[in-house]
Amino acid sequence: MKTLINDSIGDLEAALKNNSDLQEKFKTNPIEAIKNVEIRNPKDTDYWIYRIIVLMLGLAVIAIIAGLILIAYWNDGSSKDNQLVTIFATISSGAIGALAGLLSPSPRK
């Protein structure tokens, strides 16, 4: 039976203190005992992390596009507005790239 721990040494220490069977396995054969420890990664089990990140990046892209539209509407031709458009476009393209990286499927092994 596999022992589940989170991604930290403290969790492994707590599992060793609380599980006498695991302690005995570590005393006799530590290599085999560590093979029976399964490490849980919070990113694998908590899908809200990705949902929040995708939502925030999507809102950032929408807000930047709205800002660009407003700047274009009220543009009087000053060079300061052109710099803002360049900065906003750069931030927006970075956010779109991050969204594409998060939403694209990971390669199968």
PDB file of N, CA and C in Angstrom:
ATOM      1  N   MET A   1       0.833  -1.177   0.000  1.00  0.00           N
ATOM      2  CA  MET A   1       0.000   0.000   0.000  1.00  0.00           C
ATOM      3  C   MET A   1       0.877   1.239   0.000  1.00  0.00           C
ATOM      4  N   LYS A   2       0.543   2.201  -0.846  1.00  0.00           N
ATOM      5  CA  LYS A   2       1.338   3.415  -0.966  1.00  0.00           C
ATOM      6  C   LYS A   2       0.936   4.414   0.099  1.00  0.00           C
ATOM      7  N   THR A   3       1.929   5.124   0.606  1.00  0.00           N
ATOM      8  CA  THR A   3       1.707   6.193   1.568  1.00  0.00           C
ATOM      9  C   THR A   3       1.673   7.497   0.799  1.00  0.00           C
ATOM     10  N   LEU A   4       0.622   8.280   0.963  1.00  0.00           N
ATOM     11  CA  LEU A   4       0.475   9.546   0.255  1.00  0.00           C
ATOM     12  C   LEU A   4       1.010  10.677   1.110  1.00  0.00           C
ATOM     13  N   ILE A   5       1.894  11.488   0.526  1.00  0.00           N
ATOM     14  CA  ILE A   5       2.382  12.688   1.200  1.00  0.00           C
ATOM     15  C   ILE A   5       2.296  13.842   0.221  1.00  0.00           C
ATOM     16  N   ASN A   6       2.294  15.046   0.771  1.00  0.00           N
ATOM     17  CA  ASN A   6       2.358  16.223  -0.083  1.00  0.00           C
ATOM     18  C   ASN A   6       3.808  16.447  -0.477  1.00  0.00           C
ATOM     19  N   ASP A   7       4.047  17.450  -1.232  1.00  0.00           N
ATOM     20  CA  ASP A   7       5.351  17.685  -1.831  1.00  0.00           C
ATOM     21  C   ASP A   7       6.303  18.392  -0.858  1.00  0.00           C
ATOM     22  N   SER A   8       6.606  17.755   0.302  1.00  0.00           N
ATOM     23  CA  SER A   8       7.557  18.357   1.226  1.00  0.00           C
ATOM     24  C   SER A   8       8.180  17.294   2.119  1.00  0.00           C
ATOM     25  N   ILE A   9       9.343  17.610   2.628  1.00  0.00           N
ATOM     26  CA  ILE A   9      10.049  16.704   3.530  1.00  0.00           C
ATOM     27  C   ILE A   9       9.327  16.636   4.875  1.00  0.00           C
ATOM     28  N   GLY A  10       8.714  17.736   5.300  1.00  0.00           N
ATOM     29  CA  GLY A  10       7.972  17.750   6.563  1.00  0.00           C
ATOM     30  C   GLY A  10       6.828  16.752   6.562  1.00  0.00           C
ATOM     31  N   ASP A  11       6.164  16.610   5.418  1.00  0.00           N
ATOM     32  CA  ASP A  11       5.079  15.636   5.318  1.00  0.00           C
ATOM     33  C   ASP A  11       5.602  14.204   5.372  1.00  0.00           C
ATOM     34  N   LEU A  12       6.779  13.979   4.785  1.00  0.00           N
ATOM     35  CA  LEU A  12       7.388  12.661   4.870  1.00  0.00           C
ATOM     36  C   LEU A  12       7.771  12.344   6.314  1.00  0.00           C
ATOM     37  N   GLU A  13       8.297  13.341   7.015  1.00  0.00           N
ATOM     38  CA  GLU A  13       8.654  13.154   8.418  1.00  0.00           C
ATOM     39  C   GLU A  13       7.418  12.849   9.262  1.00  0.00           C
ATOM     40  N   ALA A  14       6.326  13.576   9.022  1.00  0.00           N
ATOM     41  CA  ALA A  14       5.086  13.324   9.766  1.00  0.00           C
ATOM     42  C   ALA A  14       4.537  11.933   9.460  1.00  0.00           C
ATOM     43  N   ALA A  15       4.634  11.503   8.199  1.00  0.00           N
ATOM     44  CA  ALA A  15       4.154  10.168   7.844  1.00  0.00           C
ATOM     45  C   ALA A  15       4.989   9.100   8.530  1.00  0.00           C
ATOM     46  N   LEU A  16       6.289   9.327   8.635  1.00  0.00           N
ATOM     47  CA  LEU A  16       7.156   8.364   9.321  1.00  0.00           C
ATOM     48  C   LEU A  16       6.863   8.306  10.823  1.00  0.00           C
ATOM     49  N   LYS A  17       6.573   9.454  11.423  1.00  0.00           N
ATOM     50  CA  LYS A  17       6.278   9.481  12.861  1.00  0.00           C
ATOM     51  C   LYS A  17       4.953   8.798  13.173  1.00  0.00           C
ATOM     52  N   ASN A  18       3.980   8.929  12.292  1.00  0.00           N
ATOM     53  CA  ASN A  18       2.629   8.431  12.567  1.00  0.00           C
ATOM     54  C   ASN A  18       2.381   7.005  12.093  1.00  0.00           C
ATOM     55  N   ASN A  19       3.234   6.473  11.237  1.00  0.00           N
ATOM     56  CA  ASN A  19       2.988   5.159  10.642  1.00  0.00           C
ATOM     57  C   ASN A  19       4.114   4.206  11.053  1.00  0.00           C
ATOM     58  N   SER A  20       3.810   3.325  11.991  1.00  0.00           N
ATOM     59  CA  SER A  20       4.842   2.403  12.483  1.00  0.00           C
ATOM     60  C   SER A  20       5.243   1.379  11.418  1.00  0.00           C
ATOM     61  N   ASP A  21       4.312   0.990  10.552  1.00  0.00           N
ATOM     62  CA  ASP A  21       4.638   0.059   9.473  1.00  0.00           C
ATOM     63  C   ASP A  21       5.662   0.682   8.519  1.00  0.00           C
ATOM     64  N   LEU A  22       5.470   1.957   8.218  1.00  0.00           N
ATOM     65  CA  LEU A  22       6.406   2.662   7.347  1.00  0.00           C
ATOM     66  C   LEU A  22       7.770   2.801   8.028  1.00  0.00           C
ATOM     67  N   GLN A  23       7.783   3.003   9.339  1.00  0.00           N
ATOM     68  CA  GLN A  23       9.053   3.078  10.079  1.00  0.00           C
ATOM     69  C   GLN A  23       9.825   1.771   9.969  1.00  0.00           C
ATOM     70  N   GLU A  24       9.127   0.660  10.132  1.00  0.00           N
ATOM     71  CA  GLU A  24       9.787  -0.651  10.040  1.00  0.00           C
ATOM     72  C   GLU A  24      10.337  -0.896   8.633  1.00  0.00           C
ATOM     73  N   LYS A  25       9.579  -0.492   7.637  1.00  0.00           N
ATOM     74  CA  LYS A  25      10.043  -0.663   6.259  1.00  0.00           C
ATOM     75  C   LYS A  25      11.303   0.176   6.009  1.00  0.00           C
ATOM     76  N   PHE A  26      11.334   1.393   6.568  1.00  0.00           N
ATOM     77  CA  PHE A  26      12.508   2.231   6.404  1.00  0.00           C
ATOM     78  C   PHE A  26      13.718   1.662   7.131  1.00  0.00           C
ATOM     79  N   LYS A  27      13.495   1.007   8.248  1.00  0.00           N
ATOM     80  CA  LYS A  27      14.614   0.409   8.985  1.00  0.00           C
ATOM     81  C   LYS A  27      15.199  -0.782   8.238  1.00  0.00           C
ATOM     82  N   THR A  28      14.347  -1.579   7.616  1.00  0.00           N
ATOM     83  CA  THR A  28      14.837  -2.775   6.940  1.00  0.00           C
ATOM     84  C   THR A  28      15.374  -2.480   5.546  1.00  0.00           C
ATOM     85  N   ASN A  29      14.614  -1.725   4.743  1.00  0.00           N
ATOM     86  CA  ASN A  29      15.035  -1.439   3.376  1.00  0.00           C
ATOM     87  C   ASN A  29      14.521  -0.050   2.974  1.00  0.00           C
ATOM     88  N   PRO A  30      15.343   0.976   3.179  1.00  0.00           N
ATOM     89  CA  PRO A  30      14.862   2.335   2.902  1.00  0.00           C
ATOM     90  C   PRO A  30      14.567   2.594   1.426  1.00  0.00           C
ATOM     91  N   ILE A  31      15.277   1.934   0.537  1.00  0.00           N
ATOM     92  CA  ILE A  31      15.048   2.157  -0.900  1.00  0.00           C
ATOM     93  C   ILE A  31      13.667   1.660  -1.307  1.00  0.00           C
ATOM     94  N   GLU A  32      13.298   0.481  -0.869  1.00  0.00           N
ATOM     95  CA  GLU A  32      11.975  -0.058  -1.192  1.00  0.00           C
ATOM     96  C   GLU A  32      10.876   0.732  -0.488  1.00  0.00           C
ATOM     97  N   ALA A  33      11.169   1.209   0.716  1.00  0.00           N
ATOM     98  CA  ALA A  33      10.161   1.973   1.452  1.00  0.00           C
ATOM     99  C   ALA A  33       9.861   3.301   0.761  1.00  0.00           C
ATOM    100  N   ILE A  34      10.893   3.950   0.250  1.00  0.00           N
ATOM    101  CA  ILE A  34      10.676   5.232  -0.417  1.00  0.00           C
ATOM    102  C   ILE A  34       9.960   5.046  -1.750  1.00  0.00           C
ATOM    103  N   LYS A  35      10.098   3.874  -2.360  1.00  0.00           N
ATOM    104  CA  LYS A  35       9.360   3.596  -3.595  1.00  0.00           C
ATOM    105  C   LYS A  35       7.863   3.477  -3.330  1.00  0.00           C
ATOM    106  N   ASN A  36       7.494   3.142  -2.097  1.00  0.00           N
ATOM    107  CA  ASN A  36       6.082   3.011  -1.739  1.00  0.00           C
ATOM    108  C   ASN A  36       5.476   4.309  -1.229  1.00  0.00           C
ATOM    109  N   VAL A  37       6.231   5.383  -1.277  1.00  0.00           N
ATOM    110  CA  VAL A  37       5.711   6.690  -0.880  1.00  0.00           C
ATOM    111  C   VAL A  37       5.326   7.438  -2.145  1.00  0.00           C
ATOM    112  N   GLU A  38       4.086   7.832  -2.225  1.00  0.00           N
ATOM    113  CA  GLU A  38       3.590   8.550  -3.396  1.00  0.00           C
ATOM    114  C   GLU A  38       3.464  10.023  -3.046  1.00  0.00           C
ATOM    115  N   ILE A  39       4.098  10.855  -3.851  1.00  0.00           N
ATOM    116  CA  ILE A  39       4.093  12.290  -3.604  1.00  0.00           C
ATOM    117  C   ILE A  39       2.955  12.918  -4.403  1.00  0.00           C
ATOM    118  N   ARG A  40       2.087  13.620  -3.683  1.00  0.00           N
ATOM    119  CA  ARG A  40       0.988  14.337  -4.340  1.00  0.00           C
ATOM    120  C   ARG A  40       1.432  15.762  -4.612  1.00  0.00           C
ATOM    121  N   ASN A  41       1.208  16.199  -5.804  1.00  0.00           N
ATOM    122  CA  ASN A  41       1.496  17.568  -6.184  1.00  0.00           C
ATOM    123  C   ASN A  41       0.172  18.339  -6.160  1.00  0.00           C
ATOM    124  N   PRO A  42       0.110  19.460  -5.453  1.00  0.00           N
ATOM    125  CA  PRO A  42      -1.162  20.199  -5.396  1.00  0.00           C
ATOM    126  C   PRO A  42      -1.675  20.630  -6.758  1.00  0.00           C
ATOM    127  N   LYS A  43      -0.775  20.851  -7.708  1.00  0.00           N
ATOM    128  CA  LYS A  43      -1.226  21.245  -9.044  1.00  0.00           C
ATOM    129  C   LYS A  43      -1.976  20.128  -9.745  1.00  0.00           C
ATOM    130  N   ASP A  44      -1.702  18.877  -9.361  1.00  0.00           N
ATOM    131  CA  ASP A  44      -2.388  17.755  -9.986  1.00  0.00           C
ATOM    132  C   ASP A  44      -3.789  17.547  -9.439  1.00  0.00           C
ATOM    133  N   THR A  45      -4.031  17.961  -8.213  1.00  0.00           N
ATOM    134  CA  THR A  45      -5.322  17.701  -7.585  1.00  0.00           C
ATOM    135  C   THR A  45      -6.201  18.932  -7.448  1.00  0.00           C
ATOM    136  N   ASP A  46      -5.626  20.119  -7.494  1.00  0.00           N
ATOM    137  CA  ASP A  46      -6.405  21.339  -7.298  1.00  0.00           C
ATOM    138  C   ASP A  46      -6.570  22.053  -8.633  1.00  0.00           C
ATOM    139  N   TYR A  47      -7.711  21.817  -9.275  1.00  0.00           N
ATOM    140  CA  TYR A  47      -7.945  22.414 -10.585  1.00  0.00           C
ATOM    141  C   TYR A  47      -8.337  23.886 -10.495  1.00  0.00           C
ATOM    142  N   TRP A  48      -8.650  24.376  -9.316  1.00  0.00           N
ATOM    143  CA  TRP A  48      -9.003  25.781  -9.168  1.00  0.00           C
ATOM    144  C   TRP A  48      -7.809  26.685  -9.407  1.00  0.00           C
ATOM    145  N   ILE A  49      -6.597  26.177  -9.201  1.00  0.00           N
ATOM    146  CA  ILE A  49      -5.411  26.984  -9.484  1.00  0.00           C
ATOM    147  C   ILE A  49      -5.422  27.403 -10.948  1.00  0.00           C
ATOM    148  N   TYR A  50      -5.625  26.443 -11.834  1.00  0.00           N
ATOM    149  CA  TYR A  50      -5.635  26.749 -13.259  1.00  0.00           C
ATOM    150  C   TYR A  50      -6.832  27.612 -13.636  1.00  0.00           C
ATOM    151  N   ARG A  51      -7.969  27.354 -13.044  1.00  0.00           N
ATOM    152  CA  ARG A  51      -9.158  28.148 -13.366  1.00  0.00           C
ATOM    153  C   ARG A  51      -8.960  29.610 -12.989  1.00  0.00           C
ATOM    154  N   ILE A  52      -8.380  29.852 -11.835  1.00  0.00           N
ATOM    155  CA  ILE A  52      -8.156  31.230 -11.394  1.00  0.00           C
ATOM    156  C   ILE A  52      -7.132  31.915 -12.290  1.00  0.00           C
ATOM    157  N   ILE A  53      -6.058  31.210 -12.636  1.00  0.00           N
ATOM    158  CA  ILE A  53      -5.036  31.802 -13.490  1.00  0.00           C
ATOM    159  C   ILE A  53      -5.600  32.120 -14.872  1.00  0.00           C
ATOM    160  N   VAL A  54      -6.348  31.191 -15.449  1.00  0.00           N
ATOM    161  CA  VAL A  54      -6.936  31.429 -16.766  1.00  0.00           C
ATOM    162  C   VAL A  54      -7.938  32.577 -16.708  1.00  0.00           C
ATOM    163  N   LEU A  55      -8.735  32.630 -15.657  1.00  0.00           N
ATOM    164  CA  LEU A  55      -9.702  33.717 -15.513  1.00  0.00           C
ATOM    165  C   LEU A  55      -9.000  35.067 -15.403  1.00  0.00           C
ATOM    166  N   MET A  56      -7.958  35.150 -14.589  1.00  0.00           N
ATOM    167  CA  MET A  56      -7.253  36.421 -14.412  1.00  0.00           C
ATOM    168  C   MET A  56      -6.534  36.845 -15.703  1.00  0.00           C
ATOM    169  N   LEU A  57      -5.905  35.900 -16.381  1.00  0.00           N
ATOM    170  CA  LEU A  57      -5.250  36.257 -17.644  1.00  0.00           C
ATOM    171  C   LEU A  57      -6.269  36.681 -18.693  1.00  0.00           C
ATOM    172  N   GLY A  58      -7.399  35.995 -18.747  1.00  0.00           N
ATOM    173  CA  GLY A  58      -8.457  36.386 -19.683  1.00  0.00           C
ATOM    174  C   GLY A  58      -9.004  37.768 -19.381  1.00  0.00           C
ATOM    175  N   LEU A  59      -9.228  38.053 -18.097  1.00  0.00           N
ATOM    176  CA  LEU A  59      -9.696  39.395 -17.717  1.00  0.00           C
ATOM    177  C   LEU A  59      -8.650  40.462 -18.034  1.00  0.00           C
ATOM    178  N   ALA A  60      -7.375  40.120 -17.856  1.00  0.00           N
ATOM    179  CA  ALA A  60      -6.316  41.075 -18.188  1.00  0.00           C
ATOM    180  C   ALA A  60      -6.314  41.386 -19.679  1.00  0.00           C
ATOM    181  N   VAL A  61      -6.461  40.373 -20.508  1.00  0.00           N
ATOM    182  CA  VAL A  61      -6.486  40.588 -21.955  1.00  0.00           C
ATOM    183  C   VAL A  61      -7.695  41.439 -22.342  1.00  0.00           C
ATOM    184  N   ILE A  62      -8.852  41.139 -21.769  1.00  0.00           N
ATOM    185  CA  ILE A  62     -10.061  41.915 -22.088  1.00  0.00           C
ATOM    186  C   ILE A  62      -9.913  43.362 -21.624  1.00  0.00           C
ATOM    187  N   ALA A  63      -9.369  43.560 -20.424  1.00  0.00           N
ATOM    188  CA  ALA A  63      -9.180  44.926 -19.917  1.00  0.00           C
ATOM    189  C   ALA A  63      -8.185  45.699 -20.773  1.00  0.00           C
ATOM    190  N   ILE A  64      -7.126  45.046 -21.218  1.00  0.00           N
ATOM    191  CA  ILE A  64      -6.138  45.726 -22.049  1.00  0.00           C
ATOM    192  C   ILE A  64      -6.731  46.071 -23.411  1.00  0.00           C
ATOM    193  N   ILE A  65      -7.500  45.172 -23.983  1.00  0.00           N
ATOM    194  CA  ILE A  65      -8.139  45.468 -25.277  1.00  0.00           C
ATOM    195  C   ILE A  65      -9.118  46.632 -25.125  1.00  0.00           C
ATOM    196  N   ALA A  66      -9.877  46.643 -24.038  1.00  0.00           N
ATOM    197  CA  ALA A  66     -10.790  47.769 -23.785  1.00  0.00           C
ATOM    198  C   ALA A  66     -10.003  49.064 -23.605  1.00  0.00           C
ATOM    199  N   GLY A  67      -8.878  48.983 -22.905  1.00  0.00           N
ATOM    200  CA  GLY A  67      -8.043  50.170 -22.737  1.00  0.00           C
ATOM    201  C   GLY A  67      -7.477  50.659 -24.059  1.00  0.00           C
ATOM    202  N   LEU A  68      -7.072  49.753 -24.911  1.00  0.00           N
ATOM    203  CA  LEU A  68      -6.561  50.149 -26.227  1.00  0.00           C
ATOM    204  C   LEU A  68      -7.637  50.804 -27.080  1.00  0.00           C
ATOM    205  N   ILE A  69      -8.846  50.279 -26.978  1.00  0.00           N
ATOM    206  CA  ILE A  69      -9.952  50.885 -27.727  1.00  0.00           C
ATOM    207  C   ILE A  69     -10.233  52.291 -27.217  1.00  0.00           C
ATOM    208  N   LEU A  70     -10.230  52.462 -25.895  1.00  0.00           N
ATOM    209  CA  LEU A  70     -10.469  53.798 -25.329  1.00  0.00           C
ATOM    210  C   LEU A  70      -9.346  54.766 -25.693  1.00  0.00           C
ATOM    211  N   ILE A  71      -8.109  54.305 -25.674  1.00  0.00           N
ATOM    212  CA  ILE A  71      -6.996  55.180 -26.065  1.00  0.00           C
ATOM    213  C   ILE A  71      -7.115  55.569 -27.529  1.00  0.00           C
ATOM    214  N   ALA A  72      -7.484  54.616 -28.377  1.00  0.00           N
ATOM    215  CA  ALA A  72      -7.640  54.923 -29.805  1.00  0.00           C
ATOM    216  C   ALA A  72      -8.786  55.904 -30.028  1.00  0.00           C
ATOM    217  N   TYR A  73      -9.830  55.790 -29.224  1.00  0.00           N
ATOM    218  CA  TYR A  73     -10.988  56.679 -29.378  1.00  0.00           C
ATOM    219  C   TYR A  73     -10.646  58.105 -28.961  1.00  0.00           C
ATOM    220  N   TRP A  74      -9.905  58.243 -27.856  1.00  0.00           N
ATOM    221  CA  TRP A  74      -9.566  59.567 -27.336  1.00  0.00           C
ATOM    222  C   TRP A  74      -8.185  60.048 -27.754  1.00  0.00           C
ATOM    223  N   ASN A  75      -7.564  59.380 -28.710  1.00  0.00           N
ATOM    224  CA  ASN A  75      -6.210  59.706 -29.116  1.00  0.00           C
ATOM    225  C   ASN A  75      -6.184  61.055 -29.822  1.00  0.00           C
ATOM    226  N   ASP A  76      -5.291  61.926 -29.346  1.00  0.00           N
ATOM    227  CA  ASP A  76      -5.127  63.216 -30.002  1.00  0.00           C
ATOM    228  C   ASP A  76      -3.820  63.280 -30.786  1.00  0.00           C
ATOM    229  N   GLY A  77      -3.148  62.136 -30.927  1.00  0.00           N
ATOM    230  CA  GLY A  77      -1.936  62.072 -31.733  1.00  0.00           C
ATOM    231  C   GLY A  77      -0.649  62.291 -30.961  1.00  0.00           C
ATOM    232  N   SER A  78      -0.721  62.329 -29.650  1.00  0.00           N
ATOM    233  CA  SER A  78       0.515  62.562 -28.891  1.00  0.00           C
ATOM    234  C   SER A  78       1.360  61.294 -28.849  1.00  0.00           C
ATOM    235  N   SER A  79       2.663  61.470 -28.690  1.00  0.00           N
ATOM    236  CA  SER A  79       3.575  60.324 -28.672  1.00  0.00           C
ATOM    237  C   SER A  79       3.438  59.525 -27.370  1.00  0.00           C
ATOM    238  N   LYS A  80       2.952  60.162 -26.305  1.00  0.00           N
ATOM    239  CA  LYS A  80       2.758  59.458 -25.031  1.00  0.00           C
ATOM    240  C   LYS A  80       1.709  58.358 -25.189  1.00  0.00           C
ATOM    241  N   ASP A  81       0.637  58.637 -25.942  1.00  0.00           N
ATOM    242  CA  ASP A  81      -0.391  57.629 -26.180  1.00  0.00           C
ATOM    243  C   ASP A  81       0.152  56.479 -27.015  1.00  0.00           C
ATOM    244  N   ASN A  82       1.034  56.775 -27.946  1.00  0.00           N
ATOM    245  CA  ASN A  82       1.617  55.712 -28.772  1.00  0.00           C
ATOM    246  C   ASN A  82       2.476  54.781 -27.924  1.00  0.00           C
ATOM    247  N   GLN A  83       3.164  55.322 -26.934  1.00  0.00           N
ATOM    248  CA  GLN A  83       3.962  54.488 -26.038  1.00  0.00           C
ATOM    249  C   GLN A  83       3.056  53.605 -25.187  1.00  0.00           C
ATOM    250  N   LEU A  84       1.934  54.150 -24.744  1.00  0.00           N
ATOM    251  CA  LEU A  84       0.984  53.348 -23.962  1.00  0.00           C
ATOM    252  C   LEU A  84       0.408  52.211 -24.792  1.00  0.00           C
ATOM    253  N   VAL A  85       0.110  52.489 -26.039  1.00  0.00           N
ATOM    254  CA  VAL A  85      -0.412  51.448 -26.919  1.00  0.00           C
ATOM    255  C   VAL A  85       0.621  50.337 -27.083  1.00  0.00           C
ATOM    256  N   THR A  86       1.881  50.700 -27.236  1.00  0.00           N
ATOM    257  CA  THR A  86       2.943  49.700 -27.380  1.00  0.00           C
ATOM    258  C   THR A  86       3.084  48.868 -26.104  1.00  0.00           C
ATOM    259  N   ILE A  87       3.043  49.525 -24.956  1.00  0.00           N
ATOM    260  CA  ILE A  87       3.161  48.807 -23.681  1.00  0.00           C
ATOM    261  C   ILE A  87       1.971  47.879 -23.482  1.00  0.00           C
ATOM    262  N   PHE A  88       0.774  48.374 -23.727  1.00  0.00           N
ATOM    263  CA  PHE A  88      -0.428  47.539 -23.567  1.00  0.00           C
ATOM    264  C   PHE A  88      -0.422  46.360 -24.530  1.00  0.00           C
ATOM    265  N   ALA A  89       0.007  46.598 -25.760  1.00  0.00           N
ATOM    266  CA  ALA A  89       0.047  45.503 -26.738  1.00  0.00           C
ATOM    267  C   ALA A  89       1.062  44.446 -26.316  1.00  0.00           C
ATOM    268  N   THR A  90       2.178  44.857 -25.752  1.00  0.00           N
ATOM    269  CA  THR A  90       3.185  43.906 -25.290  1.00  0.00           C
ATOM    270  C   THR A  90       2.661  43.072 -24.128  1.00  0.00           C
ATOM    271  N   ILE A  91       2.034  43.727 -23.170  1.00  0.00           N
ATOM    272  CA  ILE A  91       1.469  43.007 -22.020  1.00  0.00           C
ATOM    273  C   ILE A  91       0.372  42.060 -22.480  1.00  0.00           C
ATOM    274  N   SER A  92      -0.464  42.516 -23.396  1.00  0.00           N
ATOM    275  CA  SER A  92      -1.556  41.684 -23.895  1.00  0.00           C
ATOM    276  C   SER A  92      -1.031  40.466 -24.647  1.00  0.00           C
ATOM    277  N   SER A  93      -0.011  40.646 -25.463  1.00  0.00           N
ATOM    278  CA  SER A  93       0.514  39.492 -26.194  1.00  0.00           C
ATOM    279  C   SER A  93       1.183  38.506 -25.244  1.00  0.00           C
ATOM    280  N   GLY A  94       1.810  38.988 -24.172  1.00  0.00           N
ATOM    281  CA  GLY A  94       2.368  38.087 -23.169  1.00  0.00           C
ATOM    282  C   GLY A  94       1.288  37.304 -22.445  1.00  0.00           C
ATOM    283  N   ALA A  95       0.193  37.973 -22.113  1.00  0.00           N
ATOM    284  CA  ALA A  95      -0.916  37.286 -21.441  1.00  0.00           C
ATOM    285  C   ALA A  95      -1.574  36.266 -22.367  1.00  0.00           C
ATOM    286  N   ILE A  96      -1.694  36.587 -23.643  1.00  0.00           N
ATOM    287  CA  ILE A  96      -2.265  35.635 -24.597  1.00  0.00           C
ATOM    288  C   ILE A  96      -1.341  34.424 -24.747  1.00  0.00           C
ATOM    289  N   GLY A  97      -0.037  34.654 -24.771  1.00  0.00           N
ATOM    290  CA  GLY A  97       0.906  33.548 -24.839  1.00  0.00           C
ATOM    291  C   GLY A  97       0.836  32.661 -23.606  1.00  0.00           C
ATOM    292  N   ALA A  98       0.674  33.281 -22.425  1.00  0.00           N
ATOM    293  CA  ALA A  98       0.535  32.500 -21.192  1.00  0.00           C
ATOM    294  C   ALA A  98      -0.751  31.681 -21.216  1.00  0.00           C
ATOM    295  N   LEU A  99      -1.834  32.266 -21.704  1.00  0.00           N
ATOM    296  CA  LEU A  99      -3.094  31.525 -21.826  1.00  0.00           C
ATOM    297  C   LEU A  99      -2.942  30.348 -22.784  1.00  0.00           C
ATOM    298  N   ALA A 100      -2.262  30.581 -23.892  1.00  0.00           N
ATOM    299  CA  ALA A 100      -2.070  29.493 -24.852  1.00  0.00           C
ATOM    300  C   ALA A 100      -1.241  28.369 -24.239  1.00  0.00           C
ATOM    301  N   GLY A 101      -0.238  28.720 -23.465  1.00  0.00           N
ATOM    302  CA  GLY A 101       0.578  27.701 -22.805  1.00  0.00           C
ATOM    303  C   GLY A 101      -0.189  26.916 -21.771  1.00  0.00           C
ATOM    304  N   LEU A 102      -1.079  27.571 -21.044  1.00  0.00           N
ATOM    305  CA  LEU A 102      -1.873  26.873 -20.023  1.00  0.00           C
ATOM    306  C   LEU A 102      -2.959  26.015 -20.629  1.00  0.00           C
ATOM    307  N   LEU A 103      -3.541  26.455 -21.719  1.00  0.00           N
ATOM    308  CA  LEU A 103      -4.689  25.742 -22.278  1.00  0.00           C
ATOM    309  C   LEU A 103      -4.307  24.682 -23.299  1.00  0.00           C
ATOM    310  N   SER A 104      -3.075  24.706 -23.768  1.00  0.00           N
ATOM    311  CA  SER A 104      -2.668  23.681 -24.726  1.00  0.00           C
ATOM    312  C   SER A 104      -2.445  22.359 -23.994  1.00  0.00           C
ATOM    313  N   PRO A 105      -2.760  21.240 -24.632  1.00  0.00           N
ATOM    314  CA  PRO A 105      -2.584  19.942 -23.958  1.00  0.00           C
ATOM    315  C   PRO A 105      -1.115  19.617 -23.768  1.00  0.00           C
ATOM    316  N   SER A 106      -0.818  18.984 -22.658  1.00  0.00           N
ATOM    317  CA  SER A 106       0.569  18.582 -22.402  1.00  0.00           C
ATOM    318  C   SER A 106       0.888  17.328 -23.201  1.00  0.00           C
ATOM    319  N   PRO A 107       2.145  17.179 -23.597  1.00  0.00           N
ATOM    320  CA  PRO A 107       2.497  16.006 -24.408  1.00  0.00           C
ATOM    321  C   PRO A 107       2.379  14.718 -23.581  1.00  0.00           C
ATOM    322  N   ARG A 108       1.936  13.672 -24.224  1.00  0.00           N
ATOM    323  CA  ARG A 108       1.799  12.369 -23.574  1.00  0.00           C
ATOM    324  C   ARG A 108       3.114  11.628 -23.675  1.00  0.00           C
ATOM    325  N   LYS A 109       3.477  10.946 -22.623  1.00  0.00           N
ATOM    326  CA  LYS A 109       4.726  10.184 -22.623  1.00  0.00           C
ATOM    327  C   LYS A 109       4.507   8.778 -23.078  1.00  0.00           C
TER     328      LYS A 109
END
